[in-house]
C-alpha cells in the first residue's frame, strides 16, 4: 500500500477503507491557503488517482473552517499586476485543480465553517460539494480588486447559471450552505458537522461499492458536457469511447442472477 505523506505540515492525510482524506491544517488561520498547500493537494491527488486501492478522495479543513481562501498576509509580499496575484499561487493552484479534474476517482469537497474565493474555486473543481446549512460561502475577488485565475468565472457559472454567478461575483456577498444547495453549488447541505460526517461517509461507501473503472469512465464521460460540444458530437463520443479497464462487468452482473 502506498504511503500518503504530505510534503508540508500544513496538510494532513488519512487513508481508510479506500478513501484518502486530505485536510488543510492551519486551523489557527481558518486554513488560509499557502502555495505549498495547493502543490501538496495536487501531488496527493495525482498519487491517489494512480492507486487502484483508492476509490475516492475527500478534501476538508481542520478546525472551524474548510478554508478562508488565499492567505492575504502572503499577498502583502506580492506586487499585484492588473488584478492577478501571480505565479506564486497560480502555478500550484493550477496543479491542484488540474489534478482534481483529471483524477480517475471522485474528489469530494467536505465544506464546513467558511469557504471563500480561492477555496471556493478549488471546491468547485471537485466532483461534489457537501456542506452544512450555516457554512459561509463567497466570491470576494471584486472586493479586493482581484480577478479570478483559478476558474471561478467558468465553474461557478456552470454550477449556478450565468446570471446568478454574475450576481454572486459582482456583489461579493456572503451566502450560506443552505442557499448554496438551493442554487446548485452544493450537492447537499445538512444541519451540522456530525450530520456532514455521516453524509460523506455514506456517499463514499456507496461509491466504494461500485466498479472503480466504471466510475472512472463516468467521470471521463461527464467531462464531455463541459467541453462545449454539441449534443450530437458528445453522443458520438460517448458511444465510441472504449474503456478497456472495465473488466468486472460479468462478475457484477452474475451477482444479481
C-alpha atoms as a PDB file:
ATOM      1  CA  UNK A   1       0.000   0.000   0.000  1.00  0.00           C
ATOM      2  CA  UNK A   2       1.288   3.430  -0.896  1.00  0.00           C
ATOM      3  CA  UNK A   3       2.153   5.977   1.781  1.00  0.00           C
ATOM      4  CA  UNK A   4       0.390   9.324   1.562  1.00  0.00           C
ATOM      5  CA  UNK A   5       2.633  11.685   3.465  1.00  0.00           C
ATOM      6  CA  UNK A   6       2.312  15.364   2.508  1.00  0.00           C
ATOM      7  CA  UNK A   7       5.444  17.436   1.974  1.00  0.00           C
ATOM      8  CA  UNK A   8       4.130  20.150   4.290  1.00  0.00           C
ATOM      9  CA  UNK A   9       2.798  20.149   7.845  1.00  0.00           C
ATOM     10  CA  UNK A  10       0.050  22.428   6.554  1.00  0.00           C
ATOM     11  CA  UNK A  11      -1.707  19.314   5.222  1.00  0.00           C
ATOM     12  CA  UNK A  12      -2.817  16.126   6.965  1.00  0.00           C
ATOM     13  CA  UNK A  13      -3.746  12.835   5.318  1.00  0.00           C
ATOM     14  CA  UNK A  14      -5.570   9.670   6.325  1.00  0.00           C
ATOM     15  CA  UNK A  15      -6.349   6.570   4.268  1.00  0.00           C
ATOM     16  CA  UNK A  16      -9.263   4.449   5.485  1.00  0.00           C
ATOM     17  CA  UNK A  17     -11.337   1.859   3.607  1.00  0.00           C
ATOM     18  CA  UNK A  18     -10.039   3.037   0.251  1.00  0.00           C
ATOM     19  CA  UNK A  19     -10.807   6.714   0.903  1.00  0.00           C
ATOM     20  CA  UNK A  20      -7.969   9.250   1.075  1.00  0.00           C
ATOM     21  CA  UNK A  21      -8.810  12.262   3.234  1.00  0.00           C
ATOM     22  CA  UNK A  22      -6.697  15.372   2.671  1.00  0.00           C
ATOM     23  CA  UNK A  23      -7.092  18.055   5.341  1.00  0.00           C
ATOM     24  CA  UNK A  24      -5.978  21.660   5.281  1.00  0.00           C
ATOM     25  CA  UNK A  25      -4.086  22.026   8.546  1.00  0.00           C
ATOM     26  CA  UNK A  26      -3.898  25.695   9.504  1.00  0.00           C
ATOM     27  CA  UNK A  27      -6.820  25.842  11.931  1.00  0.00           C
ATOM     28  CA  UNK A  28      -5.382  28.884  13.710  1.00  0.00           C
ATOM     29  CA  UNK A  29      -5.749  30.827  10.427  1.00  0.00           C
ATOM     30  CA  UNK A  30      -9.030  29.225   9.276  1.00  0.00           C
ATOM     31  CA  UNK A  31      -6.906  27.144   6.889  1.00  0.00           C
ATOM     32  CA  UNK A  32      -5.929  30.115   4.743  1.00  0.00           C
ATOM     33  CA  UNK A  33      -4.151  28.757   1.687  1.00  0.00           C
ATOM     34  CA  UNK A  34      -0.384  28.816   1.147  1.00  0.00           C
ATOM     35  CA  UNK A  35       1.266  27.797  -2.135  1.00  0.00           C
ATOM     36  CA  UNK A  36       2.723  24.615  -0.630  1.00  0.00           C
ATOM     37  CA  UNK A  37      -0.751  23.500   0.431  1.00  0.00           C
ATOM     38  CA  UNK A  38      -2.010  23.764  -3.138  1.00  0.00           C
ATOM     39  CA  UNK A  39       1.024  21.974  -4.552  1.00  0.00           C
ATOM     40  CA  UNK A  40       0.623  19.274  -1.917  1.00  0.00           C
ATOM     41  CA  UNK A  41      -3.021  18.714  -2.816  1.00  0.00           C
ATOM     42  CA  UNK A  42      -2.077  18.355  -6.477  1.00  0.00           C
ATOM     43  CA  UNK A  43       0.641  15.813  -5.759  1.00  0.00           C
ATOM     44  CA  UNK A  44      -1.519  13.746  -3.397  1.00  0.00           C
ATOM     45  CA  UNK A  45      -4.489  13.653  -5.768  1.00  0.00           C
ATOM     46  CA  UNK A  46      -2.246  12.557  -8.640  1.00  0.00           C
ATOM     47  CA  UNK A  47      -0.760   9.814  -6.467  1.00  0.00           C
ATOM     48  CA  UNK A  48      -4.153   8.550  -5.268  1.00  0.00           C
ATOM     49  CA  UNK A  49      -5.622   8.620  -8.766  1.00  0.00           C
ATOM     50  CA  UNK A  50      -2.953   6.150  -9.868  1.00  0.00           C
ATOM     51  CA  UNK A  51      -3.554   3.850  -6.879  1.00  0.00           C
ATOM     52  CA  UNK A  52      -6.096   1.097  -7.600  1.00  0.00           C
ATOM     53  CA  UNK A  53      -6.753   0.679  -3.876  1.00  0.00           C
ATOM     54  CA  UNK A  54      -8.156   4.216  -3.549  1.00  0.00           C
ATOM     55  CA  UNK A  55     -11.757   4.771  -4.665  1.00  0.00           C
ATOM     56  CA  UNK A  56     -12.343   8.381  -3.602  1.00  0.00           C
ATOM     57  CA  UNK A  57     -10.691  11.478  -2.146  1.00  0.00           C
ATOM     58  CA  UNK A  58     -12.200  13.802   0.462  1.00  0.00           C
ATOM     59  CA  UNK A  59     -10.867  17.341   0.772  1.00  0.00           C
ATOM     60  CA  UNK A  60     -11.652  19.023   4.086  1.00  0.00           C
ATOM     61  CA  UNK A  61     -10.366  21.508   6.657  1.00  0.00           C
ATOM     62  CA  UNK A  62      -9.237  21.117  10.246  1.00  0.00           C
ATOM     63  CA  UNK A  63     -10.813  23.212  12.965  1.00  0.00           C
ATOM     64  CA  UNK A  64     -13.564  25.761  12.380  1.00  0.00           C
ATOM     65  CA  UNK A  65     -13.447  26.081   8.587  1.00  0.00           C
ATOM     66  CA  UNK A  66     -12.810  24.429   5.257  1.00  0.00           C
ATOM     67  CA  UNK A  67     -10.701  27.422   4.204  1.00  0.00           C
ATOM     68  CA  UNK A  68     -10.951  31.200   4.323  1.00  0.00           C
ATOM     69  CA  UNK A  69      -9.214  31.356   0.925  1.00  0.00           C
ATOM     70  CA  UNK A  70      -5.776  32.628  -0.040  1.00  0.00           C
ATOM     71  CA  UNK A  71      -3.724  33.899   2.900  1.00  0.00           C
ATOM     72  CA  UNK A  72      -3.866  37.683   2.497  1.00  0.00           C
ATOM     73  CA  UNK A  73      -0.686  38.024   4.557  1.00  0.00           C
ATOM     74  CA  UNK A  74       1.240  36.257   1.795  1.00  0.00           C
ATOM     75  CA  UNK A  75      -0.341  38.561  -0.769  1.00  0.00           C
ATOM     76  CA  UNK A  76       1.089  41.563   1.056  1.00  0.00           C
ATOM     77  CA  UNK A  77       4.535  40.484  -0.157  1.00  0.00           C
ATOM     78  CA  UNK A  78       3.304  40.243  -3.767  1.00  0.00           C
ATOM     79  CA  UNK A  79       3.082  43.149  -6.187  1.00  0.00           C
ATOM     80  CA  UNK A  80      -0.304  42.590  -7.888  1.00  0.00           C
ATOM     81  CA  UNK A  81      -0.348  43.078 -11.655  1.00  0.00           C
ATOM     82  CA  UNK A  82      -3.700  44.070 -13.126  1.00  0.00           C
ATOM     83  CA  UNK A  83      -5.651  42.109 -10.545  1.00  0.00           C
ATOM     84  CA  UNK A  84      -3.522  38.956 -10.749  1.00  0.00           C
ATOM     85  CA  UNK A  85      -1.894  37.525  -7.632  1.00  0.00           C
ATOM     86  CA  UNK A  86       0.890  35.949  -9.683  1.00  0.00           C
ATOM     87  CA  UNK A  87       2.578  32.631 -10.299  1.00  0.00           C
ATOM     88  CA  UNK A  88       3.483  32.076  -6.636  1.00  0.00           C
ATOM     89  CA  UNK A  89      -0.121  30.981  -6.147  1.00  0.00           C
ATOM     90  CA  UNK A  90      -1.381  30.474  -9.685  1.00  0.00           C
ATOM     91  CA  UNK A  91       1.097  27.733 -10.619  1.00  0.00           C
ATOM     92  CA  UNK A  92       0.411  25.395  -7.646  1.00  0.00           C
ATOM     93  CA  UNK A  93      -3.311  26.200  -7.832  1.00  0.00           C
ATOM     94  CA  UNK A  94      -3.338  25.050 -11.455  1.00  0.00           C
ATOM     95  CA  UNK A  95      -1.546  21.875 -10.398  1.00  0.00           C
ATOM     96  CA  UNK A  96      -4.184  21.261  -7.722  1.00  0.00           C
ATOM     97  CA  UNK A  97      -7.307  21.871  -9.775  1.00  0.00           C
ATOM     98  CA  UNK A  98      -5.913  20.063 -12.823  1.00  0.00           C
ATOM     99  CA  UNK A  99      -5.191  17.017 -10.668  1.00  0.00           C
ATOM    100  CA  UNK A 100      -8.720  17.140  -9.224  1.00  0.00           C
ATOM    101  CA  UNK A 101     -10.373  17.464 -12.622  1.00  0.00           C
ATOM    102  CA  UNK A 102      -8.212  14.808 -14.273  1.00  0.00           C
ATOM    103  CA  UNK A 103      -8.291  12.271 -11.439  1.00  0.00           C
ATOM    104  CA  UNK A 104      -9.757   8.870 -12.286  1.00  0.00           C
ATOM    105  CA  UNK A 105     -11.637   8.850  -8.974  1.00  0.00           C
ATOM    106  CA  UNK A 106     -14.185  11.233  -7.436  1.00  0.00           C
ATOM    107  CA  UNK A 107     -12.863  14.132  -5.379  1.00  0.00           C
ATOM    108  CA  UNK A 108     -15.316  15.370  -2.760  1.00  0.00           C
ATOM    109  CA  UNK A 109     -15.190  18.776  -1.058  1.00  0.00           C
ATOM    110  CA  UNK A 110     -16.434  18.410   2.528  1.00  0.00           C
ATOM    111  CA  UNK A 111     -17.048  22.047   3.384  1.00  0.00           C
ATOM    112  CA  UNK A 112     -17.840  23.492   6.795  1.00  0.00           C
ATOM    113  CA  UNK A 113     -17.487  26.833   8.546  1.00  0.00           C
ATOM    114  CA  UNK A 114     -16.207  29.029   5.721  1.00  0.00           C
ATOM    115  CA  UNK A 115     -15.289  28.672   2.053  1.00  0.00           C
ATOM    116  CA  UNK A 116     -14.199  31.866   0.331  1.00  0.00           C
ATOM    117  CA  UNK A 117     -12.799  32.800  -3.061  1.00  0.00           C
ATOM    118  CA  UNK A 118      -9.729  30.628  -3.760  1.00  0.00           C
ATOM    119  CA  UNK A 119     -11.075  27.879  -1.513  1.00  0.00           C
ATOM    120  CA  UNK A 120     -14.431  28.084  -3.291  1.00  0.00           C
ATOM    121  CA  UNK A 121     -12.661  27.868  -6.652  1.00  0.00           C
ATOM    122  CA  UNK A 122     -10.882  24.708  -5.508  1.00  0.00           C
ATOM    123  CA  UNK A 123     -14.113  23.202  -4.158  1.00  0.00           C
ATOM    124  CA  UNK A 124     -15.932  23.939  -7.415  1.00  0.00           C
ATOM    125  CA  UNK A 125     -13.389  21.839  -9.309  1.00  0.00           C
ATOM    126  CA  UNK A 126     -14.317  18.856  -7.121  1.00  0.00           C
ATOM    127  CA  UNK A 127     -16.947  16.376  -8.267  1.00  0.00           C
ATOM    128  CA  UNK A 128     -19.267  17.088  -5.319  1.00  0.00           C
ATOM    129  CA  UNK A 129     -19.608  19.685  -2.582  1.00  0.00           C
ATOM    130  CA  UNK A 130     -21.275  18.645   0.683  1.00  0.00           C
ATOM    131  CA  UNK A 131     -21.734  21.282   3.368  1.00  0.00           C
ATOM    132  CA  UNK A 132     -23.670  22.493   6.406  1.00  0.00           C
ATOM    133  CA  UNK A 133     -26.521  24.974   6.494  1.00  0.00           C
ATOM    134  CA  UNK A 134     -24.516  27.607   8.382  1.00  0.00           C
ATOM    135  CA  UNK A 135     -21.304  27.410   6.344  1.00  0.00           C
ATOM    136  CA  UNK A 136     -20.430  30.777   4.811  1.00  0.00           C
ATOM    137  CA  UNK A 137     -19.522  30.964   1.119  1.00  0.00           C
ATOM    138  CA  UNK A 138     -18.436  33.887  -1.019  1.00  0.00           C
ATOM    139  CA  UNK A 139     -16.533  35.030  -4.077  1.00  0.00           C
ATOM    140  CA  UNK A 140     -14.685  38.134  -2.872  1.00  0.00           C
ATOM    141  CA  UNK A 141     -12.423  38.784  -5.856  1.00  0.00           C
ATOM    142  CA  UNK A 142     -14.059  42.122  -6.647  1.00  0.00           C
ATOM    143  CA  UNK A 143     -13.937  43.264  -3.020  1.00  0.00           C
ATOM    144  CA  UNK A 144     -10.136  43.147  -3.123  1.00  0.00           C
ATOM    145  CA  UNK A 145      -9.609  44.357  -6.678  1.00  0.00           C
ATOM    146  CA  UNK A 146      -8.745  40.909  -7.982  1.00  0.00           C
ATOM    147  CA  UNK A 147      -9.836  38.874 -10.992  1.00  0.00           C
ATOM    148  CA  UNK A 148     -10.105  35.072 -10.950  1.00  0.00           C
ATOM    149  CA  UNK A 149      -7.359  32.906 -12.402  1.00  0.00           C
ATOM    150  CA  UNK A 150      -8.328  29.528 -10.892  1.00  0.00           C
ATOM    151  CA  UNK A 151     -11.557  29.026 -12.815  1.00  0.00           C
ATOM    152  CA  UNK A 152     -14.268  30.873 -10.855  1.00  0.00           C
ATOM    153  CA  UNK A 153     -15.771  32.521 -13.947  1.00  0.00           C
ATOM    154  CA  UNK A 154     -16.273  29.110 -15.523  1.00  0.00           C
ATOM    155  CA  UNK A 155     -17.079  26.695 -12.708  1.00  0.00           C
ATOM    156  CA  UNK A 156     -19.408  28.987 -10.744  1.00  0.00           C
ATOM    157  CA  UNK A 157     -21.449  29.720 -13.875  1.00  0.00           C
ATOM    158  CA  UNK A 158     -21.674  26.001 -14.650  1.00  0.00           C
ATOM    159  CA  UNK A 159     -22.854  25.300 -11.101  1.00  0.00           C
ATOM    160  CA  UNK A 160     -25.488  28.016 -10.604  1.00  0.00           C
ATOM    161  CA  UNK A 161     -26.116  29.534 -14.044  1.00  0.00           C
ATOM    162  CA  UNK A 162     -24.567  32.618 -15.584  1.00  0.00           C
ATOM    163  CA  UNK A 163     -26.970  35.221 -14.161  1.00  0.00           C
ATOM    164  CA  UNK A 164     -26.700  34.045 -10.565  1.00  0.00           C
ATOM    165  CA  UNK A 165     -22.920  33.612 -10.905  1.00  0.00           C
ATOM    166  CA  UNK A 166     -22.596  37.219 -12.074  1.00  0.00           C
ATOM    167  CA  UNK A 167     -24.621  38.415  -9.091  1.00  0.00           C
ATOM    168  CA  UNK A 168     -22.512  36.480  -6.598  1.00  0.00           C
ATOM    169  CA  UNK A 169     -19.246  37.708  -8.113  1.00  0.00           C
ATOM    170  CA  UNK A 170     -20.248  41.340  -8.742  1.00  0.00           C
ATOM    171  CA  UNK A 171     -21.680  41.806  -5.239  1.00  0.00           C
ATOM    172  CA  UNK A 172     -19.137  39.604  -3.396  1.00  0.00           C
ATOM    173  CA  UNK A 173     -21.962  38.849  -0.969  1.00  0.00           C
ATOM    174  CA  UNK A 174     -21.742  36.081   1.602  1.00  0.00           C
ATOM    175  CA  UNK A 175     -24.276  33.258   1.368  1.00  0.00           C
ATOM    176  CA  UNK A 176     -24.836  30.184   3.499  1.00  0.00           C
ATOM    177  CA  UNK A 177     -24.726  26.479   2.828  1.00  0.00           C
ATOM    178  CA  UNK A 178     -28.487  26.051   2.648  1.00  0.00           C
ATOM    179  CA  UNK A 179     -28.622  28.666  -0.128  1.00  0.00           C
ATOM    180  CA  UNK A 180     -25.602  27.077  -1.811  1.00  0.00           C
ATOM    181  CA  UNK A 181     -27.602  23.868  -2.089  1.00  0.00           C
ATOM    182  CA  UNK A 182     -30.675  25.646  -3.458  1.00  0.00           C
ATOM    183  CA  UNK A 183     -28.508  27.361  -6.053  1.00  0.00           C
ATOM    184  CA  UNK A 184     -26.974  24.065  -7.171  1.00  0.00           C
ATOM    185  CA  UNK A 185     -23.479  24.935  -5.945  1.00  0.00           C
ATOM    186  CA  UNK A 186     -23.593  22.290  -3.194  1.00  0.00           C
ATOM    187  CA  UNK A 187     -24.985  18.801  -3.703  1.00  0.00           C
ATOM    188  CA  UNK A 188     -26.388  18.588  -0.191  1.00  0.00           C
ATOM    189  CA  UNK A 189     -26.459  20.724   2.956  1.00  0.00           C
ATOM    190  CA  UNK A 190     -27.122  19.347   6.425  1.00  0.00           C
ATOM    191  CA  UNK A 191     -27.672  20.769   9.885  1.00  0.00           C
ATOM    192  CA  UNK A 192     -24.212  20.410  11.386  1.00  0.00           C
ATOM    193  CA  UNK A 193     -20.793  18.787  11.460  1.00  0.00           C
ATOM    194  CA  UNK A 194     -21.971  15.442  12.793  1.00  0.00           C
ATOM    195  CA  UNK A 195     -24.545  15.132  10.027  1.00  0.00           C
ATOM    196  CA  UNK A 196     -21.928  16.193   7.470  1.00  0.00           C
ATOM    197  CA  UNK A 197     -19.566  13.462   8.654  1.00  0.00           C
ATOM    198  CA  UNK A 198     -22.348  10.885   8.334  1.00  0.00           C
ATOM    199  CA  UNK A 199     -23.387  12.127   4.896  1.00  0.00           C
ATOM    200  CA  UNK A 200     -19.896  11.990   3.422  1.00  0.00           C
ATOM    201  CA  UNK A 201     -19.251   8.579   4.979  1.00  0.00           C
ATOM    202  CA  UNK A 202     -22.453   7.293   3.369  1.00  0.00           C
ATOM    203  CA  UNK A 203     -21.678   8.721  -0.069  1.00  0.00           C
ATOM    204  CA  UNK A 204     -18.094   7.439  -0.222  1.00  0.00           C
ATOM    205  CA  UNK A 205     -19.284   3.998   0.896  1.00  0.00           C
ATOM    206  CA  UNK A 206     -21.788   3.999  -1.959  1.00  0.00           C
ATOM    207  CA  UNK A 207     -19.013   4.916  -4.397  1.00  0.00           C
ATOM    208  CA  UNK A 208     -16.686   2.256  -2.971  1.00  0.00           C
ATOM    209  CA  UNK A 209     -19.366  -0.389  -3.556  1.00  0.00           C
ATOM    210  CA  UNK A 210     -19.318   0.276  -7.289  1.00  0.00           C
ATOM    211  CA  UNK A 211     -16.838  -0.559 -10.048  1.00  0.00           C
ATOM    212  CA  UNK A 212     -13.834   1.750  -9.777  1.00  0.00           C
ATOM    213  CA  UNK A 213     -13.211   1.502 -13.518  1.00  0.00           C
ATOM    214  CA  UNK A 214     -16.840   2.276 -14.347  1.00  0.00           C
ATOM    215  CA  UNK A 215     -16.832   5.293 -12.017  1.00  0.00           C
ATOM    216  CA  UNK A 216     -13.657   6.495 -13.748  1.00  0.00           C
ATOM    217  CA  UNK A 217     -15.355   6.106 -17.112  1.00  0.00           C
ATOM    218  CA  UNK A 218     -18.365   8.086 -15.889  1.00  0.00           C
ATOM    219  CA  UNK A 219     -16.106  10.896 -14.684  1.00  0.00           C
ATOM    220  CA  UNK A 220     -14.356  10.965 -18.041  1.00  0.00           C
ATOM    221  CA  UNK A 221     -17.635  10.963 -19.967  1.00  0.00           C
ATOM    222  CA  UNK A 222     -19.153  13.740 -17.865  1.00  0.00           C
ATOM    223  CA  UNK A 223     -16.252  15.926 -18.953  1.00  0.00           C
ATOM    224  CA  UNK A 224     -17.863  15.928 -22.401  1.00  0.00           C
ATOM    225  CA  UNK A 225     -20.697  18.074 -21.064  1.00  0.00           C
ATOM    226  CA  UNK A 226     -18.157  20.726 -20.048  1.00  0.00           C
ATOM    227  CA  UNK A 227     -16.298  20.917 -23.349  1.00  0.00           C
ATOM    228  CA  UNK A 228     -18.844  22.945 -25.272  1.00  0.00           C
ATOM    229  CA  UNK A 229     -19.514  20.289 -27.899  1.00  0.00           C
ATOM    230  CA  UNK A 230     -22.903  19.806 -29.484  1.00  0.00           C
ATOM    231  CA  UNK A 231     -25.173  17.085 -28.129  1.00  0.00           C
ATOM    232  CA  UNK A 232     -24.704  15.111 -31.359  1.00  0.00           C
ATOM    233  CA  UNK A 233     -20.906  15.249 -31.102  1.00  0.00           C
ATOM    234  CA  UNK A 234     -20.967  14.305 -27.418  1.00  0.00           C
ATOM    235  CA  UNK A 235     -23.285  11.360 -28.047  1.00  0.00           C
ATOM    236  CA  UNK A 236     -20.982  10.042 -30.763  1.00  0.00           C
ATOM    237  CA  UNK A 237     -18.017  10.273 -28.389  1.00  0.00           C
ATOM    238  CA  UNK A 238     -19.933   8.609 -25.574  1.00  0.00           C
ATOM    239  CA  UNK A 239     -20.800   5.681 -27.804  1.00  0.00           C
ATOM    240  CA  UNK A 240     -17.397   5.431 -29.451  1.00  0.00           C
ATOM    241  CA  UNK A 241     -15.046   5.761 -26.469  1.00  0.00           C
ATOM    242  CA  UNK A 242     -13.729   2.440 -25.148  1.00  0.00           C
ATOM    243  CA  UNK A 243     -12.740   1.804 -21.533  1.00  0.00           C
ATOM    244  CA  UNK A 244     -10.746  -1.386 -21.676  1.00  0.00           C
ATOM    245  CA  UNK A 245     -10.010  -1.417 -17.933  1.00  0.00           C
ATOM    246  CA  UNK A 246     -13.652  -2.146 -17.096  1.00  0.00           C
ATOM    247  CA  UNK A 247     -13.230  -5.879 -16.541  1.00  0.00           C
ATOM    248  CA  UNK A 248     -15.667  -6.643 -13.732  1.00  0.00           C
ATOM    249  CA  UNK A 249     -18.976  -6.332 -15.602  1.00  0.00           C
ATOM    250  CA  UNK A 250     -19.692 -10.071 -15.924  1.00  0.00           C
ATOM    251  CA  UNK A 251     -18.840 -10.703 -12.287  1.00  0.00           C
ATOM    252  CA  UNK A 252     -21.087  -7.893 -11.079  1.00  0.00           C
ATOM    253  CA  UNK A 253     -23.972  -8.903 -13.309  1.00  0.00           C
ATOM    254  CA  UNK A 254     -23.676 -12.524 -12.176  1.00  0.00           C
ATOM    255  CA  UNK A 255     -24.076 -11.405  -8.569  1.00  0.00           C
ATOM    256  CA  UNK A 256     -27.653 -10.289  -9.335  1.00  0.00           C
ATOM    257  CA  UNK A 257     -28.778 -13.502 -11.060  1.00  0.00           C
END
